[in-house]
Protein backbone atom coordinates (compact mmCIF):
# COMPACT_ATOMS: atom_id res chain seq x y z
CA MET A 1 15.62 -13.40 4.62
CA LEU A 2 12.27 -14.22 3.02
CA ALA A 3 10.53 -11.28 4.72
CA LEU A 4 13.50 -9.02 3.54
CA ILE A 5 13.24 -9.91 -0.04
CA ALA A 6 9.43 -9.59 -0.15
CA CYS A 7 9.88 -6.06 1.59
CA ILE A 8 12.31 -4.80 -1.18
CA PHE A 9 10.25 -6.30 -3.76
CA ALA A 10 7.11 -4.64 -2.66
CA LEU A 11 8.66 -1.42 -3.51
CA PHE A 12 8.50 -1.86 -7.10
CA VAL A 13 5.13 -3.29 -7.14
CA GLY A 14 3.39 0.23 -7.04
CA PRO A 15 5.43 1.91 -9.82
CA LEU A 16 5.10 -1.24 -11.94
CA VAL A 17 1.28 -1.36 -11.70
CA TYR A 18 1.21 2.56 -12.24
CA GLN A 19 3.57 2.51 -15.43
CA THR A 20 1.16 -0.53 -16.85
CA PHE A 21 -1.79 1.54 -16.62
CA GLY A 22 0.08 4.59 -18.11
CA PRO A 23 0.02 8.25 -17.07
CA LEU A 24 -3.82 8.45 -17.43
CA ARG A 25 -5.62 11.23 -15.48
CA ARG A 26 -7.77 8.87 -13.83
CA THR A 27 -4.86 6.92 -12.89
CA ASP A 28 -3.23 9.73 -11.23
CA LYS A 29 -6.29 10.41 -9.18
CA ILE A 30 -6.65 7.10 -8.01
CA VAL A 31 -2.97 6.79 -7.08
CA SER A 32 -3.28 10.43 -5.42
CA GLY A 33 -6.36 9.26 -3.25
CA ILE A 34 -4.26 6.01 -2.20
CA VAL A 35 -1.22 8.00 -1.29
CA LEU A 36 -2.90 10.70 0.63
CA VAL A 37 -5.14 8.24 2.80
CA VAL A 38 -1.88 5.84 3.47
CA VAL A 39 0.45 8.89 4.26
CA VAL A 40 -2.19 10.66 6.44
CA GLY A 41 -2.86 7.47 8.44
CA THR A 42 0.70 6.49 8.80
CA ILE A 43 1.55 9.93 10.16
CA LEU A 44 -1.58 10.15 12.65
CA PHE A 45 -1.52 6.54 13.80
CA GLU A 46 2.08 5.38 13.79
CA ILE A 47 4.67 8.28 13.39
CA ILE A 48 3.10 10.82 15.82
CA PRO A 49 2.09 8.45 18.56
CA GLN A 50 5.77 6.94 18.45
CA SER A 51 7.23 10.47 18.67
CA TYR A 52 4.91 11.39 21.31
CA GLN A 53 6.23 8.87 23.62
CA ALA A 54 9.62 10.30 23.24
CA ILE A 55 9.09 14.08 23.16
CA SER A 56 5.56 14.55 24.18
CA VAL A 57 3.67 17.52 22.78
CA PHE A 58 6.83 18.57 20.88
CA ALA A 59 5.92 15.94 18.34
CA VAL A 60 2.84 17.70 17.36
CA LEU A 61 4.38 20.97 17.12
CA LEU A 62 7.42 19.72 15.00
CA CYS A 63 5.04 17.94 12.72
CA LEU A 64 2.98 21.19 12.13
CA ILE A 65 6.20 23.12 11.61
CA GLY A 66 7.27 20.74 8.98
CA PHE A 67 3.90 21.05 7.24
CA VAL A 68 3.22 24.75 7.49
CA GLY A 69 6.89 26.01 7.28
CA PRO A 70 7.21 25.29 3.27
CA THR A 71 3.91 26.90 2.69
CA VAL A 72 4.92 29.97 4.53
CA VAL A 73 8.20 30.16 2.31
CA GLU A 74 6.42 29.49 -0.92
CA LYS A 75 3.81 32.49 -0.23
CA SER A 76 6.25 34.94 1.16
CA PHE A 77 8.94 34.31 -1.74
CA ARG A 78 7.02 33.40 -4.89
CA LYS A 79 10.44 33.03 -6.71
CA ALA A 80 11.56 30.58 -4.23
CA ALA A 81 8.54 28.54 -4.22
CA ASP A 82 9.79 25.67 -6.91
CA THR A 83 12.97 25.34 -5.05
CA THR A 84 11.38 25.12 -1.69
CA HIS A 85 9.11 22.48 -2.60
CA LYS A 86 11.84 20.59 -4.33
CA LEU A 87 13.90 20.86 -0.91
CA THR A 88 10.68 19.45 0.99
CA ILE A 89 10.35 16.59 -1.30
CA LEU A 90 14.04 15.89 -0.62
CA LEU A 91 13.36 16.28 2.98
CA GLY A 92 10.57 13.63 2.68
CA ILE A 93 12.55 11.30 0.72
CA ILE A 94 15.13 11.38 3.52
CA GLY A 95 12.65 10.58 6.11
CA LEU A 96 11.28 7.69 3.94
CA LEU A 97 14.99 6.58 3.94
CA LEU A 98 15.08 6.70 7.60
CA HIS A 99 11.91 4.72 7.95
CA ALA A 100 13.37 2.14 5.55
CA PHE A 101 16.31 1.45 7.64
CA ILE A 102 14.20 1.05 10.84
CA ASP A 103 11.91 -1.42 8.88
CA GLY A 104 14.90 -3.20 8.01
CA MET A 105 15.96 -3.47 11.59
CA ALA A 106 12.40 -4.48 12.62
CA ILE A 107 12.27 -7.29 9.93
CA GLN A 108 15.50 -8.84 11.35
CA ALA A 109 14.70 -8.47 14.92
CA SER A 110 11.16 -10.21 14.51
CA GLU A 111 12.28 -12.74 11.79
CA THR A 112 10.56 -16.19 11.98
CA PRO A 113 10.76 -19.19 9.50
CA GLU A 114 7.31 -17.98 8.13
CA LEU A 115 6.21 -14.51 7.55
CA ASN A 116 4.57 -13.02 10.96
CA SER A 117 2.00 -10.54 11.26
CA LEU A 118 4.82 -7.81 11.76
CA ALA A 119 6.73 -8.54 8.67
CA ILE A 120 3.30 -8.67 6.59
CA ALA A 121 2.40 -5.22 7.99
CA ILE A 122 5.85 -3.98 6.72
CA ILE A 123 5.54 -5.43 3.35
CA LEU A 124 2.08 -4.05 2.97
CA HIS A 125 3.58 -0.55 4.15
CA ARG A 126 5.91 -0.94 1.43
CA LEU A 127 3.37 -1.01 -1.63
CA PRO A 128 2.22 2.60 -1.00
CA ILE A 129 5.75 4.10 -0.10
CA GLY A 130 7.12 2.83 -3.53
CA LEU A 131 4.16 4.05 -5.20
CA THR A 132 4.46 7.37 -3.43
CA ILE A 133 8.12 7.83 -4.35
CA TRP A 134 7.24 7.18 -8.13
CA TRP A 135 4.28 9.56 -8.05
CA LEU A 136 6.20 12.23 -6.56
CA LEU A 137 9.69 11.81 -8.20
CA LYS A 138 8.79 10.56 -11.87
CA PRO A 139 7.04 13.98 -12.83
CA LEU A 140 9.50 16.13 -11.21
CA LEU A 141 12.98 14.35 -11.80
CA GLY A 142 12.14 11.64 -14.24
CA GLU A 143 12.04 8.07 -14.28
CA ARG A 144 15.88 7.45 -13.64
CA TYR A 145 15.84 9.51 -10.41
CA ALA A 146 12.60 7.90 -9.47
CA LEU A 147 14.18 4.33 -9.90
CA VAL A 148 17.64 5.10 -8.14
CA THR A 149 15.65 6.38 -5.07
CA LEU A 150 13.71 2.93 -5.09
CA ILE A 151 16.89 1.08 -5.28
CA LEU A 152 18.39 3.31 -2.59
CA MET A 153 15.27 2.51 -0.30
CA GLY A 154 16.03 -1.24 -0.91
CA LEU A 155 19.61 -0.80 -0.01
CA THR A 156 18.66 1.13 3.04
CA THR A 157 16.44 -1.57 4.05
CA PHE A 158 19.17 -4.08 3.79
CA LEU A 159 21.56 -1.99 5.78
CA GLY A 160 18.86 -1.61 8.65
CA TYR A 161 18.57 -5.53 8.47
CA LEU A 162 22.33 -6.00 9.29
CA SER A 163 21.97 -3.44 12.19
CA SER A 164 19.10 -4.79 14.22
CA GLN A 165 21.13 -4.82 17.30
CA ALA A 166 20.59 -1.26 17.59
CA LEU A 167 16.87 -1.09 17.18
CA ASP A 168 16.01 -0.43 21.01
CA MET A 169 18.33 2.28 21.22
CA ILE A 170 17.09 4.08 18.02
CA HIS A 171 13.47 3.80 19.10
CA ASN A 172 14.11 5.56 22.43
CA SER A 173 15.99 8.39 20.80
CA MET A 174 14.51 11.69 21.13
CA ALA A 175 16.44 13.13 18.27
CA LEU A 176 15.04 10.58 16.09
CA ALA A 177 11.62 11.27 17.44
CA ALA A 178 11.94 15.01 16.59
CA THR A 179 13.41 14.31 13.29
CA GLN A 180 10.73 11.79 12.42
CA ALA A 181 7.85 14.39 13.33
CA PHE A 182 9.16 17.17 11.64
CA ILE A 183 9.74 15.26 8.36
CA ALA A 184 6.38 13.74 8.70
CA GLY A 185 4.85 17.18 8.40
CA SER A 186 7.11 17.90 5.50
CA LEU A 187 6.03 14.75 3.70
CA LEU A 188 2.29 15.58 4.30
CA HIS A 189 3.01 19.12 2.64
CA VAL A 190 4.52 17.37 -0.23
CA VAL A 191 1.71 14.86 -0.87
CA ILE A 192 -1.01 17.61 -0.64
CA HIS A 193 0.92 20.13 -2.68
CA LYS A 194 2.15 17.66 -5.29
CA PRO A 195 2.53 19.55 -8.94
CA HIS A 196 0.24 18.50 -11.75
CA SER A 197 1.63 16.74 -14.80
CA ASP A 198 1.64 20.01 -16.42
CA GLY A 199 4.37 21.21 -13.92
CA CYS A 200 2.40 23.79 -11.95
CA MET A 201 1.05 23.39 -8.24
CA HIS A 202 -2.24 23.33 -6.82
CA THR A 203 -1.39 26.60 -5.01
CA SER A 204 0.49 28.27 -7.88
CA PRO A 205 -1.28 31.11 -10.00
CA GLU A 206 -0.37 29.28 -13.15
CA HIS A 207 -2.71 26.39 -12.03
CA ASP A 208 -5.65 28.49 -12.57
CA HIS A 209 -4.44 29.66 -15.66
CA HIS A 210 -3.89 26.20 -17.22
CA HIS A 211 -7.34 25.03 -15.89
CA GLN A 212 -9.84 27.44 -16.91
CA PRO A 213 -13.11 26.17 -17.56
CA THR A 214 -14.41 25.61 -21.16
CA GLY A 215 -17.83 25.35 -20.39
CA ASN A 216 -20.19 24.99 -17.28
CA VAL A 217 -21.68 21.56 -18.42
CA ASN A 218 -18.33 19.97 -19.42
CA GLN A 219 -16.64 21.45 -16.19
CA SER A 220 -19.41 19.83 -13.96
CA LYS A 221 -19.10 16.44 -15.83
CA GLN A 222 -15.18 16.51 -15.44
CA GLY A 223 -15.54 17.66 -11.78
CA VAL A 224 -17.89 14.59 -11.13
CA ILE A 225 -15.52 11.99 -12.94
CA LYS A 226 -12.66 13.46 -11.15
CA ASN A 227 -14.21 13.20 -7.74
CA GLN A 228 -15.25 9.57 -8.45
CA TRP A 229 -11.80 8.28 -9.40
CA GLU A 230 -10.26 10.17 -6.17
CA LEU A 231 -13.08 8.53 -4.12
CA ILE A 232 -11.82 5.19 -5.54
CA GLY A 233 -8.45 5.91 -4.51
CA PHE A 234 -9.66 6.98 -0.98
CA ALA A 235 -11.36 3.80 -0.59
CA LEU A 236 -8.38 1.56 -1.94
CA GLY A 237 -6.10 3.62 0.24
CA GLY A 238 -8.30 3.24 3.44
CA LEU A 239 -8.38 -0.61 2.73
CA LEU A 240 -4.71 -0.72 2.42
CA PHE A 241 -4.07 1.28 5.54
CA ALA A 242 -6.68 -1.07 7.40
CA MET A 243 -4.84 -4.02 6.48
CA MET A 244 -1.62 -2.53 7.72
CA TYR A 245 -2.94 -1.39 10.91
CA PHE A 246 -4.60 -4.89 11.71
CA TYR A 247 -1.42 -7.01 10.96
CA HIS A 248 0.74 -4.38 12.86
CA HIS A 249 -1.33 -4.32 16.09
């Protein structure tokens, strides 16, 4: 039960830290670096290998479809780009809820009086997941919906904890493997194409309009500073993922 409580609590640590430092540009750059590294690492070293064991090369194909599909729709139907992006975010959140359910099952199945390495890995995994949800949903839907989603993640983890007997059956499910692979690609699309705080996406025409350079010198300085904060985020994300991978394996 200690591992379950810590796992649920960890969901809220990232958002609390993010809110403490405020919606500063450098904070957003650091967080984006952390989220990108952890999400990419989780997909490449955890979700795809697990799905590959069940459905072979189709895991890679479904992940690519999940990643490229929304981009094709957004570029083909400009008016539907915003709706498509929101639906893709919803799909990614559903995937995270599914993953939370499995995490809850894994915690109960491996529970010991003290925290074991698997429980520590899951708890560490929850830190960037909570941060990812807040980072994605707060600018788009507001704090209320972001908080509700975090609470829902906690409840889903608890339900998984109560259903640990079905863990082996779910892990061997081809349908689950296919779903996870497709949603993993969709989540990667969402993270890479996250809208800015001004509401426009990296790939939208409005992005260039809102961010026209005011001067070559200022633009160069801002670019260097921006890259510095992103590199810090990448380093922190890499460190966090390395710790997750070490405890999990």
